[in-house]
Amino acid sequence: MILSQKHRFIFIKTNKTAGTSVEIALSRQCGEGDIITPLLQEDEALRREGGGRRPQHMKAPKGCDGPHRFAKLKNGDKVMLRFFNHMAASELLTVIKPAVWDDYFTFCVERNPWDRVASYYHYGTAHEDDPCDFTTFLLGDSLPFLKWLGRDLSTIDGKVTVDKVCSYENLEEDLREVFEAVGIDARVNLPRAKSGFLPGG
């Protein structure tokens, strides 16, 4: 998730939709006051290599009673995050002023649900010596996670709340429109984070 005061946009990071690649690309355009949530360690390395801004302004103050997550630091310490990776619009609206949501350009990325589940299957079984077949995967222990994977982060009470839903299948062109809408004068340059897990794409 990124909340950019510099360019007045909010990016809601959905699941298995190239969100990490988008977040890395966006972090290159962010300023000192922007909120940028942390990624996995290998993705943070990719962000640094590409000149992206590191995670910042995401920690929760002591006594935080709103939505939060815990993250483990390299030294083993835990830190409580007020802003976190796959934060739903409904969660974000409990910790920012509604006027910020209304005034900023809000967007997310979505993809064909079947492709999303297939992507998760390949991601989850890529390092297994003897992975289960796709049907077993769907009917097995992964079902609760698949329900979480399919949750809609960009709607509230069944209504789409973001200004733009970018299509995974048309991502670069849609992101060019986002860049234009928020006044970013730069070429869209998406790194290939986590893309090696789905055969053919």
N, C-alpha and C. Protein backbone atom coordinates (compact mmCIF):
# COMPACT_ATOMS: atom_id res chain seq x y z
N MET A 1 0.85 -1.17 0.00
CA MET A 1 0.00 0.00 0.00
C MET A 1 0.90 1.24 0.00
N ILE A 2 0.52 2.20 -0.79
CA ILE A 2 1.24 3.48 -0.80
C ILE A 2 0.23 4.61 -0.73
N LEU A 3 0.51 5.57 0.13
CA LEU A 3 -0.25 6.81 0.19
C LEU A 3 0.74 7.93 -0.08
N SER A 4 0.62 8.53 -1.25
CA SER A 4 1.58 9.56 -1.66
C SER A 4 0.99 10.95 -1.51
N GLN A 5 1.57 11.71 -0.58
CA GLN A 5 1.19 13.12 -0.45
C GLN A 5 1.79 13.93 -1.59
N LYS A 6 2.96 13.52 -2.05
CA LYS A 6 3.65 14.24 -3.12
C LYS A 6 2.80 14.27 -4.40
N HIS A 7 2.23 13.12 -4.76
CA HIS A 7 1.45 13.04 -6.00
C HIS A 7 -0.05 12.84 -5.75
N ARG A 8 -0.44 12.83 -4.47
CA ARG A 8 -1.86 12.75 -4.09
C ARG A 8 -2.54 11.51 -4.70
N PHE A 9 -1.95 10.35 -4.41
CA PHE A 9 -2.61 9.11 -4.82
C PHE A 9 -2.54 8.09 -3.69
N ILE A 10 -3.44 7.12 -3.75
CA ILE A 10 -3.45 5.99 -2.83
C ILE A 10 -3.52 4.72 -3.67
N PHE A 11 -2.55 3.84 -3.47
CA PHE A 11 -2.53 2.56 -4.16
C PHE A 11 -2.92 1.46 -3.19
N ILE A 12 -4.04 0.79 -3.46
CA ILE A 12 -4.48 -0.35 -2.67
C ILE A 12 -3.89 -1.60 -3.32
N LYS A 13 -3.09 -2.33 -2.56
CA LYS A 13 -2.38 -3.49 -3.12
C LYS A 13 -3.20 -4.76 -2.94
N THR A 14 -3.77 -5.25 -4.03
CA THR A 14 -4.55 -6.47 -4.01
C THR A 14 -3.63 -7.69 -4.13
N ASN A 15 -4.21 -8.88 -3.99
CA ASN A 15 -3.42 -10.11 -3.94
C ASN A 15 -3.20 -10.73 -5.31
N LYS A 16 -1.95 -11.15 -5.58
CA LYS A 16 -1.58 -11.87 -6.81
C LYS A 16 -1.98 -11.11 -8.07
N THR A 17 -1.70 -9.81 -8.07
CA THR A 17 -2.04 -8.96 -9.22
C THR A 17 -0.86 -8.09 -9.64
N ALA A 18 0.35 -8.57 -9.44
CA ALA A 18 1.57 -7.80 -9.73
C ALA A 18 1.70 -6.58 -8.81
N GLY A 19 1.05 -6.65 -7.65
CA GLY A 19 1.06 -5.53 -6.71
C GLY A 19 2.45 -5.15 -6.25
N THR A 20 3.32 -6.14 -6.04
CA THR A 20 4.68 -5.84 -5.60
C THR A 20 5.43 -5.08 -6.69
N SER A 21 5.29 -5.51 -7.93
CA SER A 21 5.94 -4.81 -9.04
C SER A 21 5.43 -3.38 -9.16
N VAL A 22 4.12 -3.21 -9.01
CA VAL A 22 3.53 -1.86 -9.08
C VAL A 22 4.04 -1.01 -7.93
N GLU A 23 4.08 -1.59 -6.72
CA GLU A 23 4.54 -0.83 -5.56
C GLU A 23 6.00 -0.40 -5.72
N ILE A 24 6.83 -1.26 -6.26
CA ILE A 24 8.23 -0.90 -6.49
C ILE A 24 8.32 0.24 -7.50
N ALA A 25 7.56 0.13 -8.59
CA ALA A 25 7.58 1.19 -9.61
C ALA A 25 7.09 2.51 -9.03
N LEU A 26 6.04 2.47 -8.24
CA LEU A 26 5.49 3.70 -7.65
C LEU A 26 6.45 4.30 -6.62
N SER A 27 7.15 3.45 -5.86
CA SER A 27 8.03 3.97 -4.81
C SER A 27 9.18 4.79 -5.39
N ARG A 28 9.50 4.60 -6.67
CA ARG A 28 10.54 5.42 -7.32
C ARG A 28 10.07 6.87 -7.47
N GLN A 29 8.77 7.08 -7.45
CA GLN A 29 8.21 8.42 -7.67
C GLN A 29 7.81 9.10 -6.36
N CYS A 30 7.97 8.42 -5.24
CA CYS A 30 7.47 8.93 -3.96
C CYS A 30 8.42 9.94 -3.32
N GLY A 31 7.88 10.73 -2.41
CA GLY A 31 8.64 11.74 -1.70
C GLY A 31 8.85 11.37 -0.24
N GLU A 32 9.51 12.27 0.49
CA GLU A 32 9.87 12.01 1.88
C GLU A 32 8.67 11.83 2.79
N GLY A 33 7.56 12.49 2.51
CA GLY A 33 6.40 12.41 3.40
C GLY A 33 5.42 11.31 3.06
N ASP A 34 5.72 10.52 2.04
CA ASP A 34 4.77 9.50 1.58
C ASP A 34 4.82 8.25 2.46
N ILE A 35 3.69 7.56 2.55
CA ILE A 35 3.59 6.32 3.32
C ILE A 35 3.82 5.16 2.37
N ILE A 36 4.84 4.35 2.67
CA ILE A 36 5.19 3.20 1.85
C ILE A 36 5.31 1.99 2.77
N THR A 37 4.55 0.94 2.49
CA THR A 37 4.58 -0.23 3.36
C THR A 37 5.71 -1.18 2.95
N PRO A 38 6.19 -1.99 3.91
CA PRO A 38 7.32 -2.88 3.63
C PRO A 38 6.91 -4.09 2.79
N LEU A 39 7.90 -4.61 2.06
CA LEU A 39 7.74 -5.80 1.24
C LEU A 39 8.58 -6.93 1.85
N LEU A 40 8.50 -8.11 1.26
CA LEU A 40 9.38 -9.19 1.68
C LEU A 40 10.83 -8.80 1.41
N GLN A 41 11.76 -9.41 2.13
CA GLN A 41 13.17 -9.02 2.07
C GLN A 41 13.73 -9.04 0.64
N GLU A 42 13.42 -10.10 -0.13
CA GLU A 42 13.96 -10.18 -1.50
C GLU A 42 13.35 -9.10 -2.39
N ASP A 43 12.10 -8.72 -2.11
CA ASP A 43 11.46 -7.66 -2.90
C ASP A 43 12.00 -6.29 -2.51
N GLU A 44 12.35 -6.13 -1.23
CA GLU A 44 12.98 -4.87 -0.81
C GLU A 44 14.33 -4.71 -1.50
N ALA A 45 15.05 -5.81 -1.69
CA ALA A 45 16.34 -5.74 -2.41
C ALA A 45 16.10 -5.30 -3.84
N LEU A 46 15.07 -5.82 -4.47
CA LEU A 46 14.72 -5.43 -5.84
C LEU A 46 14.33 -3.95 -5.90
N ARG A 47 13.61 -3.50 -4.87
CA ARG A 47 13.21 -2.09 -4.81
C ARG A 47 14.45 -1.19 -4.70
N ARG A 48 15.39 -1.57 -3.83
CA ARG A 48 16.61 -0.78 -3.67
C ARG A 48 17.41 -0.74 -4.97
N GLU A 49 17.55 -1.90 -5.63
CA GLU A 49 18.30 -1.96 -6.89
C GLU A 49 17.69 -1.05 -7.95
N GLY A 50 16.37 -0.92 -7.93
CA GLY A 50 15.68 -0.12 -8.94
C GLY A 50 15.54 1.35 -8.57
N GLY A 51 16.13 1.74 -7.44
CA GLY A 51 16.08 3.15 -7.05
C GLY A 51 14.79 3.56 -6.36
N GLY A 52 14.05 2.59 -5.84
CA GLY A 52 12.80 2.91 -5.15
C GLY A 52 13.04 3.38 -3.73
N ARG A 53 12.12 4.16 -3.22
CA ARG A 53 12.20 4.64 -1.84
C ARG A 53 11.83 3.49 -0.90
N ARG A 54 12.53 3.40 0.21
CA ARG A 54 12.32 2.33 1.18
C ARG A 54 11.03 2.55 1.95
N PRO A 55 10.57 1.53 2.73
CA PRO A 55 9.36 1.70 3.55
C PRO A 55 9.54 2.86 4.53
N GLN A 56 8.47 3.61 4.71
CA GLN A 56 8.55 4.76 5.61
C GLN A 56 7.15 5.16 6.10
N HIS A 57 7.11 5.72 7.30
CA HIS A 57 5.89 6.29 7.89
C HIS A 57 4.76 5.27 8.02
N MET A 58 5.08 4.01 8.26
CA MET A 58 4.04 3.00 8.33
C MET A 58 3.82 2.47 9.75
N LYS A 59 4.65 2.89 10.70
CA LYS A 59 4.56 2.37 12.06
C LYS A 59 3.37 2.96 12.81
N ALA A 60 2.81 2.14 13.69
CA ALA A 60 1.68 2.58 14.52
C ALA A 60 2.21 3.17 15.82
N PRO A 61 1.57 4.23 16.32
CA PRO A 61 1.98 4.76 17.61
C PRO A 61 1.58 3.80 18.73
N LYS A 62 2.23 3.91 19.87
CA LYS A 62 1.87 3.06 21.01
C LYS A 62 0.41 3.32 21.38
N GLY A 63 -0.27 2.25 21.74
CA GLY A 63 -1.67 2.39 22.11
C GLY A 63 -2.61 2.41 20.93
N CYS A 64 -2.12 2.07 19.75
CA CYS A 64 -2.94 2.06 18.54
C CYS A 64 -4.09 1.07 18.71
N ASP A 65 -5.31 1.54 18.49
CA ASP A 65 -6.45 0.63 18.62
C ASP A 65 -7.12 0.38 17.27
N GLY A 66 -6.60 0.95 16.20
CA GLY A 66 -7.15 0.72 14.86
C GLY A 66 -6.54 -0.54 14.27
N PRO A 67 -6.83 -0.83 13.00
CA PRO A 67 -6.24 -2.01 12.37
C PRO A 67 -4.73 -1.89 12.32
N HIS A 68 -4.05 -3.01 12.56
CA HIS A 68 -2.60 -3.00 12.50
C HIS A 68 -2.09 -4.42 12.25
N ARG A 69 -0.84 -4.52 11.89
CA ARG A 69 -0.17 -5.81 11.69
C ARG A 69 1.21 -5.70 12.34
N PHE A 70 1.76 -6.86 12.65
CA PHE A 70 3.12 -6.89 13.17
C PHE A 70 4.07 -7.35 12.07
N ALA A 71 5.23 -6.74 12.02
CA ALA A 71 6.26 -7.13 11.07
C ALA A 71 7.54 -7.42 11.85
N LYS A 72 8.30 -8.39 11.39
CA LYS A 72 9.56 -8.74 12.05
C LYS A 72 10.71 -8.04 11.32
N LEU A 73 11.54 -7.35 12.09
CA LEU A 73 12.70 -6.68 11.53
C LEU A 73 13.85 -7.68 11.35
N LYS A 74 14.89 -7.27 10.61
CA LYS A 74 16.04 -8.15 10.37
C LYS A 74 16.68 -8.61 11.68
N ASN A 75 16.67 -7.74 12.69
CA ASN A 75 17.30 -8.08 13.97
C ASN A 75 16.40 -8.96 14.85
N GLY A 76 15.21 -9.32 14.35
CA GLY A 76 14.30 -10.18 15.10
C GLY A 76 13.24 -9.44 15.88
N ASP A 77 13.42 -8.13 16.06
CA ASP A 77 12.42 -7.34 16.78
C ASP A 77 11.13 -7.26 15.97
N LYS A 78 10.02 -7.10 16.70
CA LYS A 78 8.74 -6.90 16.03
C LYS A 78 8.34 -5.44 16.11
N VAL A 79 7.71 -4.96 15.05
CA VAL A 79 7.23 -3.59 15.03
C VAL A 79 5.76 -3.62 14.60
N MET A 80 4.96 -2.77 15.23
CA MET A 80 3.54 -2.72 14.89
C MET A 80 3.33 -1.69 13.78
N LEU A 81 2.65 -2.12 12.71
CA LEU A 81 2.42 -1.26 11.56
C LEU A 81 1.00 -0.72 11.57
N ARG A 82 0.86 0.58 11.40
CA ARG A 82 -0.45 1.19 11.22
C ARG A 82 -0.90 1.01 9.77
N PHE A 83 0.06 1.10 8.85
CA PHE A 83 -0.21 0.90 7.42
C PHE A 83 0.54 -0.35 6.99
N PHE A 84 -0.14 -1.25 6.27
CA PHE A 84 0.48 -2.53 5.95
C PHE A 84 0.15 -2.95 4.52
N ASN A 85 0.83 -3.98 4.09
CA ASN A 85 0.88 -4.42 2.70
C ASN A 85 -0.49 -4.52 2.01
N HIS A 86 -1.28 -5.50 2.36
CA HIS A 86 -2.58 -5.72 1.70
C HIS A 86 -3.69 -5.12 2.56
N MET A 87 -3.65 -3.83 2.74
CA MET A 87 -4.62 -3.11 3.58
C MET A 87 -5.85 -2.78 2.74
N ALA A 88 -7.01 -3.18 3.23
CA ALA A 88 -8.26 -2.91 2.51
C ALA A 88 -8.63 -1.44 2.60
N ALA A 89 -9.38 -0.97 1.63
CA ALA A 89 -9.87 0.41 1.65
C ALA A 89 -10.63 0.69 2.94
N SER A 90 -11.44 -0.27 3.37
CA SER A 90 -12.23 -0.09 4.59
C SER A 90 -11.33 0.06 5.81
N GLU A 91 -10.20 -0.66 5.85
CA GLU A 91 -9.25 -0.53 6.96
C GLU A 91 -8.54 0.81 6.90
N LEU A 92 -8.13 1.20 5.71
CA LEU A 92 -7.42 2.47 5.54
C LEU A 92 -8.28 3.65 5.98
N LEU A 93 -9.56 3.58 5.68
CA LEU A 93 -10.46 4.68 6.02
C LEU A 93 -10.68 4.84 7.52
N THR A 94 -10.25 3.86 8.31
CA THR A 94 -10.35 4.02 9.77
C THR A 94 -9.15 4.77 10.34
N VAL A 95 -8.09 4.97 9.54
CA VAL A 95 -6.89 5.62 10.05
C VAL A 95 -6.49 6.88 9.28
N ILE A 96 -7.22 7.20 8.21
CA ILE A 96 -6.98 8.47 7.52
C ILE A 96 -8.28 9.26 7.49
N LYS A 97 -8.16 10.54 7.25
CA LYS A 97 -9.36 11.37 7.16
C LYS A 97 -10.10 11.06 5.86
N PRO A 98 -11.44 10.97 5.92
CA PRO A 98 -12.21 10.71 4.70
C PRO A 98 -11.90 11.70 3.58
N ALA A 99 -11.57 12.95 3.95
CA ALA A 99 -11.26 13.96 2.93
C ALA A 99 -10.02 13.58 2.13
N VAL A 100 -9.06 12.91 2.77
CA VAL A 100 -7.86 12.47 2.05
C VAL A 100 -8.26 11.44 1.00
N TRP A 101 -9.06 10.47 1.40
CA TRP A 101 -9.53 9.45 0.45
C TRP A 101 -10.29 10.11 -0.70
N ASP A 102 -11.15 11.05 -0.38
CA ASP A 102 -11.97 11.71 -1.40
C ASP A 102 -11.15 12.58 -2.35
N ASP A 103 -10.10 13.23 -1.81
CA ASP A 103 -9.32 14.17 -2.61
C ASP A 103 -8.20 13.51 -3.42
N TYR A 104 -7.70 12.37 -2.96
CA TYR A 104 -6.59 11.71 -3.63
C TYR A 104 -7.12 10.78 -4.72
N PHE A 105 -6.27 10.50 -5.71
CA PHE A 105 -6.61 9.54 -6.76
C PHE A 105 -6.34 8.15 -6.21
N THR A 106 -7.38 7.32 -6.15
CA THR A 106 -7.26 5.99 -5.57
C THR A 106 -7.35 4.93 -6.66
N PHE A 107 -6.52 3.90 -6.54
CA PHE A 107 -6.54 2.86 -7.57
C PHE A 107 -6.00 1.53 -7.04
N CYS A 108 -6.29 0.48 -7.78
CA CYS A 108 -5.80 -0.85 -7.47
C CYS A 108 -5.64 -1.61 -8.78
N VAL A 109 -5.20 -2.85 -8.69
CA VAL A 109 -5.09 -3.72 -9.86
C VAL A 109 -5.91 -4.98 -9.59
N GLU A 110 -6.67 -5.43 -10.57
CA GLU A 110 -7.40 -6.69 -10.46
C GLU A 110 -7.10 -7.55 -11.68
N ARG A 111 -7.35 -8.84 -11.55
CA ARG A 111 -7.10 -9.77 -12.66
C ARG A 111 -8.17 -10.84 -12.71
N ASN A 112 -8.18 -11.58 -13.79
CA ASN A 112 -9.09 -12.71 -13.93
C ASN A 112 -8.95 -13.61 -12.70
N PRO A 113 -10.07 -13.91 -11.99
CA PRO A 113 -9.96 -14.69 -10.75
C PRO A 113 -9.34 -16.08 -10.94
N TRP A 114 -9.62 -16.71 -12.07
CA TRP A 114 -9.03 -18.02 -12.33
C TRP A 114 -7.51 -17.91 -12.42
N ASP A 115 -7.03 -16.92 -13.14
CA ASP A 115 -5.58 -16.72 -13.27
C ASP A 115 -4.95 -16.41 -11.91
N ARG A 116 -5.69 -15.70 -11.08
CA ARG A 116 -5.17 -15.35 -9.75
C ARG A 116 -4.95 -16.62 -8.92
N VAL A 117 -5.91 -17.52 -8.93
CA VAL A 117 -5.79 -18.77 -8.18
C VAL A 117 -4.67 -19.64 -8.77
N ALA A 118 -4.59 -19.71 -10.10
CA ALA A 118 -3.51 -20.48 -10.74
C ALA A 118 -2.15 -19.91 -10.37
N SER A 119 -2.05 -18.60 -10.30
CA SER A 119 -0.80 -17.95 -9.91
C SER A 119 -0.42 -18.33 -8.49
N TYR A 120 -1.41 -18.33 -7.60
CA TYR A 120 -1.13 -18.71 -6.21
C TYR A 120 -0.68 -20.17 -6.11
N TYR A 121 -1.32 -21.04 -6.89
CA TYR A 121 -0.94 -22.46 -6.90
C TYR A 121 0.53 -22.61 -7.31
N HIS A 122 0.92 -21.97 -8.40
CA HIS A 122 2.31 -22.09 -8.87
C HIS A 122 3.28 -21.43 -7.90
N TYR A 123 2.88 -20.32 -7.30
CA TYR A 123 3.72 -19.64 -6.31
C TYR A 123 3.92 -20.54 -5.08
N GLY A 124 2.82 -21.16 -4.64
CA GLY A 124 2.87 -21.97 -3.42
C GLY A 124 3.53 -23.32 -3.59
N THR A 125 3.60 -23.83 -4.81
CA THR A 125 4.17 -25.17 -5.02
C THR A 125 5.49 -25.15 -5.78
N ALA A 126 5.99 -23.99 -6.11
CA ALA A 126 7.19 -23.87 -6.95
C ALA A 126 8.41 -24.56 -6.35
N HIS A 127 8.51 -24.57 -5.02
CA HIS A 127 9.71 -25.11 -4.38
C HIS A 127 9.47 -26.48 -3.75
N GLU A 128 8.32 -27.09 -4.03
CA GLU A 128 8.02 -28.41 -3.47
C GLU A 128 8.56 -29.50 -4.40
N ASP A 129 9.13 -30.55 -3.81
CA ASP A 129 9.67 -31.66 -4.60
C ASP A 129 8.55 -32.46 -5.27
N ASP A 130 7.45 -32.64 -4.56
CA ASP A 130 6.34 -33.44 -5.08
C ASP A 130 5.03 -32.68 -4.83
N PRO A 131 4.79 -31.61 -5.59
CA PRO A 131 3.59 -30.80 -5.34
C PRO A 131 2.31 -31.57 -5.67
N CYS A 132 1.26 -31.25 -4.96
CA CYS A 132 -0.04 -31.86 -5.24
C CYS A 132 -0.57 -31.32 -6.56
N ASP A 133 -1.55 -32.03 -7.13
CA ASP A 133 -2.14 -31.53 -8.37
C ASP A 133 -3.09 -30.37 -8.04
N PHE A 134 -3.51 -29.67 -9.07
CA PHE A 134 -4.29 -28.44 -8.89
C PHE A 134 -5.62 -28.71 -8.19
N THR A 135 -6.29 -29.81 -8.53
CA THR A 135 -7.58 -30.13 -7.90
C THR A 135 -7.41 -30.38 -6.41
N THR A 136 -6.41 -31.16 -6.05
CA THR A 136 -6.14 -31.42 -4.63
C THR A 136 -5.83 -30.13 -3.90
N PHE A 137 -5.07 -29.29 -4.54
CA PHE A 137 -4.73 -27.98 -3.98
C PHE A 137 -6.00 -27.17 -3.70
N LEU A 138 -6.92 -27.15 -4.67
CA LEU A 138 -8.15 -26.37 -4.51
C LEU A 138 -9.04 -26.91 -3.41
N LEU A 139 -9.09 -28.23 -3.26
CA LEU A 139 -10.02 -28.86 -2.31
C LEU A 139 -9.38 -29.13 -0.96
N GLY A 140 -8.10 -28.90 -0.85
CA GLY A 140 -7.37 -29.23 0.37
C GLY A 140 -7.31 -28.09 1.38
N ASP A 141 -6.20 -28.08 2.11
CA ASP A 141 -6.02 -27.12 3.20
C ASP A 141 -5.92 -25.68 2.73
N SER A 142 -5.76 -25.46 1.45
CA SER A 142 -5.58 -24.09 0.95
C SER A 142 -6.90 -23.32 0.84
N LEU A 143 -8.05 -24.00 1.01
CA LEU A 143 -9.34 -23.34 0.80
C LEU A 143 -9.52 -22.07 1.64
N PRO A 144 -9.22 -22.09 2.96
CA PRO A 144 -9.37 -20.83 3.72
C PRO A 144 -8.51 -19.70 3.16
N PHE A 145 -7.28 -20.04 2.72
CA PHE A 145 -6.42 -19.00 2.17
C PHE A 145 -6.95 -18.50 0.83
N LEU A 146 -7.52 -19.40 0.02
CA LEU A 146 -8.08 -18.98 -1.26
C LEU A 146 -9.23 -18.01 -1.05
N LYS A 147 -10.01 -18.21 0.01
CA LYS A 147 -11.09 -17.26 0.33
C LYS A 147 -10.48 -15.91 0.68
N TRP A 148 -9.38 -15.93 1.47
CA TRP A 148 -8.70 -14.68 1.81
C TRP A 148 -8.12 -14.04 0.55
N LEU A 149 -7.54 -14.85 -0.30
CA LEU A 149 -6.93 -14.36 -1.54
C LEU A 149 -7.96 -13.62 -2.40
N GLY A 150 -9.18 -14.12 -2.41
CA GLY A 150 -10.22 -13.54 -3.25
C GLY A 150 -10.97 -12.38 -2.62
N ARG A 151 -10.62 -12.04 -1.38
CA ARG A 151 -11.36 -10.95 -0.73
C ARG A 151 -11.14 -9.66 -1.50
N ASP A 152 -12.14 -8.84 -1.47
CA ASP A 152 -12.09 -7.61 -2.27
C ASP A 152 -11.61 -6.46 -1.41
N LEU A 153 -10.41 -5.99 -1.68
CA LEU A 153 -9.82 -4.92 -0.87
C LEU A 153 -10.25 -3.54 -1.31
N SER A 154 -10.83 -3.43 -2.50
CA SER A 154 -11.13 -2.10 -3.05
C SER A 154 -12.60 -1.73 -2.98
N THR A 155 -13.41 -2.54 -2.30
CA THR A 155 -14.83 -2.21 -2.17
C THR A 155 -15.20 -2.02 -0.70
N ILE A 156 -16.27 -1.29 -0.50
CA ILE A 156 -16.88 -1.14 0.83
C ILE A 156 -18.37 -1.37 0.64
N ASP A 157 -18.91 -2.30 1.42
CA ASP A 157 -20.33 -2.66 1.30
C ASP A 157 -20.70 -3.03 -0.12
N GLY A 158 -19.79 -3.73 -0.81
CA GLY A 158 -20.07 -4.22 -2.15
C GLY A 158 -19.93 -3.19 -3.26
N LYS A 159 -19.52 -1.97 -2.92
CA LYS A 159 -19.37 -0.92 -3.93
C LYS A 159 -17.89 -0.61 -4.13
N VAL A 160 -17.50 -0.50 -5.40
CA VAL A 160 -16.11 -0.14 -5.71
C VAL A 160 -15.86 1.28 -5.22
N THR A 161 -14.80 1.46 -4.44
CA THR A 161 -14.53 2.76 -3.84
C THR A 161 -13.35 3.48 -4.48
N VAL A 162 -12.57 2.76 -5.29
CA VAL A 162 -11.41 3.41 -5.90
C VAL A 162 -11.80 4.13 -7.19
N ASP A 163 -10.98 5.11 -7.56
CA ASP A 163 -11.23 5.87 -8.79
C ASP A 163 -10.94 5.06 -10.04
N LYS A 164 -9.96 4.16 -9.96
CA LYS A 164 -9.60 3.36 -11.14
C LYS A 164 -9.21 1.95 -10.72
N VAL A 165 -9.75 0.98 -11.43
CA VAL A 165 -9.33 -0.41 -11.28
C VAL A 165 -8.50 -0.75 -12.52
N CYS A 166 -7.20 -0.86 -12.33
CA CYS A 166 -6.31 -1.22 -13.44
C CYS A 166 -6.46 -2.71 -13.73
N SER A 167 -6.37 -3.06 -14.98
CA SER A 167 -6.46 -4.46 -15.39
C SER A 167 -5.06 -5.08 -15.42
N TYR A 168 -4.88 -6.19 -14.75
CA TYR A 168 -3.61 -6.91 -14.77
C TYR A 168 -3.21 -7.24 -16.21
N GLU A 169 -4.20 -7.59 -17.00
CA GLU A 169 -3.96 -7.99 -18.38
C GLU A 169 -3.57 -6.81 -19.27
N ASN A 170 -3.79 -5.59 -18.81
CA ASN A 170 -3.48 -4.38 -19.58
C ASN A 170 -2.73 -3.38 -18.69
N LEU A 171 -1.85 -3.94 -17.84
CA LEU A 171 -1.32 -3.17 -16.72
C LEU A 171 -0.49 -1.96 -17.11
N GLU A 172 0.46 -2.10 -18.02
CA GLU A 172 1.33 -0.97 -18.35
C GLU A 172 0.54 0.20 -18.91
N GLU A 173 -0.41 -0.08 -19.78
CA GLU A 173 -1.22 1.00 -20.36
C GLU A 173 -2.08 1.67 -19.29
N ASP A 174 -2.68 0.87 -18.42
CA ASP A 174 -3.50 1.43 -17.35
C ASP A 174 -2.66 2.26 -16.38
N LEU A 175 -1.44 1.80 -16.08
CA LEU A 175 -0.56 2.57 -15.20
C LEU A 175 -0.11 3.87 -15.85
N ARG A 176 0.06 3.88 -17.15
CA ARG A 176 0.38 5.14 -17.83
C ARG A 176 -0.76 6.15 -17.61
N GLU A 177 -1.99 5.68 -17.65
CA GLU A 177 -3.14 6.55 -17.39
C GLU A 177 -3.12 7.06 -15.95
N VAL A 178 -2.74 6.19 -15.01
CA VAL A 178 -2.63 6.61 -13.61
C VAL A 178 -1.55 7.68 -13.47
N PHE A 179 -0.36 7.43 -14.04
CA PHE A 179 0.73 8.40 -13.98
C PHE A 179 0.28 9.75 -14.53
N GLU A 180 -0.42 9.72 -15.64
CA GLU A 180 -0.91 10.97 -16.24
C GLU A 180 -1.92 11.65 -15.32
N ALA A 181 -2.80 10.88 -14.72
CA ALA A 181 -3.84 11.45 -13.85
C ALA A 181 -3.26 12.13 -12.62
N VAL A 182 -2.14 11.61 -12.09
CA VAL A 182 -1.56 12.18 -10.87
C VAL A 182 -0.36 13.08 -11.15
N GLY A 183 -0.04 13.29 -12.42
CA GLY A 183 1.03 14.22 -12.78
C GLY A 183 2.43 13.67 -12.66
N ILE A 184 2.59 12.36 -12.79
CA ILE A 184 3.93 11.77 -12.78
C ILE A 184 4.45 11.75 -14.22
N ASP A 185 5.53 12.48 -14.44
CA ASP A 185 6.11 12.56 -15.77
C ASP A 185 7.28 11.58 -15.86
N ALA A 186 6.95 10.30 -15.96
CA ALA A 186 7.98 9.27 -16.03
C ALA A 186 7.42 8.08 -16.79
N ARG A 187 8.33 7.30 -17.33
CA ARG A 187 7.92 6.09 -18.05
C ARG A 187 7.57 5.01 -17.03
N VAL A 188 6.51 4.24 -17.31
CA VAL A 188 6.16 3.11 -16.46
C VAL A 188 7.21 2.02 -16.67
N ASN A 189 7.90 1.64 -15.60
CA ASN A 189 8.94 0.63 -15.69
C ASN A 189 8.72 -0.39 -14.58
N LEU A 190 8.01 -1.47 -14.92
CA LEU A 190 7.66 -2.47 -13.92
C LEU A 190 8.75 -3.54 -13.80
N PRO A 191 9.29 -3.74 -12.58
CA PRO A 191 10.21 -4.85 -12.38
C PRO A 191 9.42 -6.16 -12.38
N ARG A 192 10.10 -7.27 -12.53
CA ARG A 192 9.41 -8.56 -12.56
C ARG A 192 9.54 -9.24 -11.20
N ALA A 193 8.87 -8.69 -10.20
CA ALA A 193 8.88 -9.28 -8.87
C ALA A 193 7.94 -10.47 -8.83
N LYS A 194 8.40 -11.58 -8.28
CA LYS A 194 7.60 -12.79 -8.08
C LYS A 194 6.99 -13.33 -9.37
N SER A 195 7.51 -12.97 -10.52
CA SER A 195 6.87 -13.37 -11.77
C SER A 195 7.36 -14.71 -12.30
N GLY A 196 8.39 -15.26 -11.68
CA GLY A 196 8.94 -16.49 -12.20
C GLY A 196 8.16 -17.74 -11.84
N PHE A 197 7.08 -17.60 -11.06
CA PHE A 197 6.39 -18.77 -10.55
C PHE A 197 5.31 -19.29 -11.48
N LEU A 198 4.76 -18.47 -12.35
CA LEU A 198 3.67 -18.91 -13.22
C LEU A 198 4.22 -19.21 -14.60
N PRO A 199 4.18 -20.47 -15.02
CA PRO A 199 4.72 -20.81 -16.34
C PRO A 199 4.09 -19.98 -17.44
N GLY A 200 4.93 -19.50 -18.32
CA GLY A 200 4.44 -18.72 -19.44
C GLY A 200 4.11 -17.30 -19.10
N GLY A 201 4.39 -16.81 -17.87
CA GLY A 201 4.06 -15.43 -17.57
C GLY A 201 4.45 -15.00 -16.30
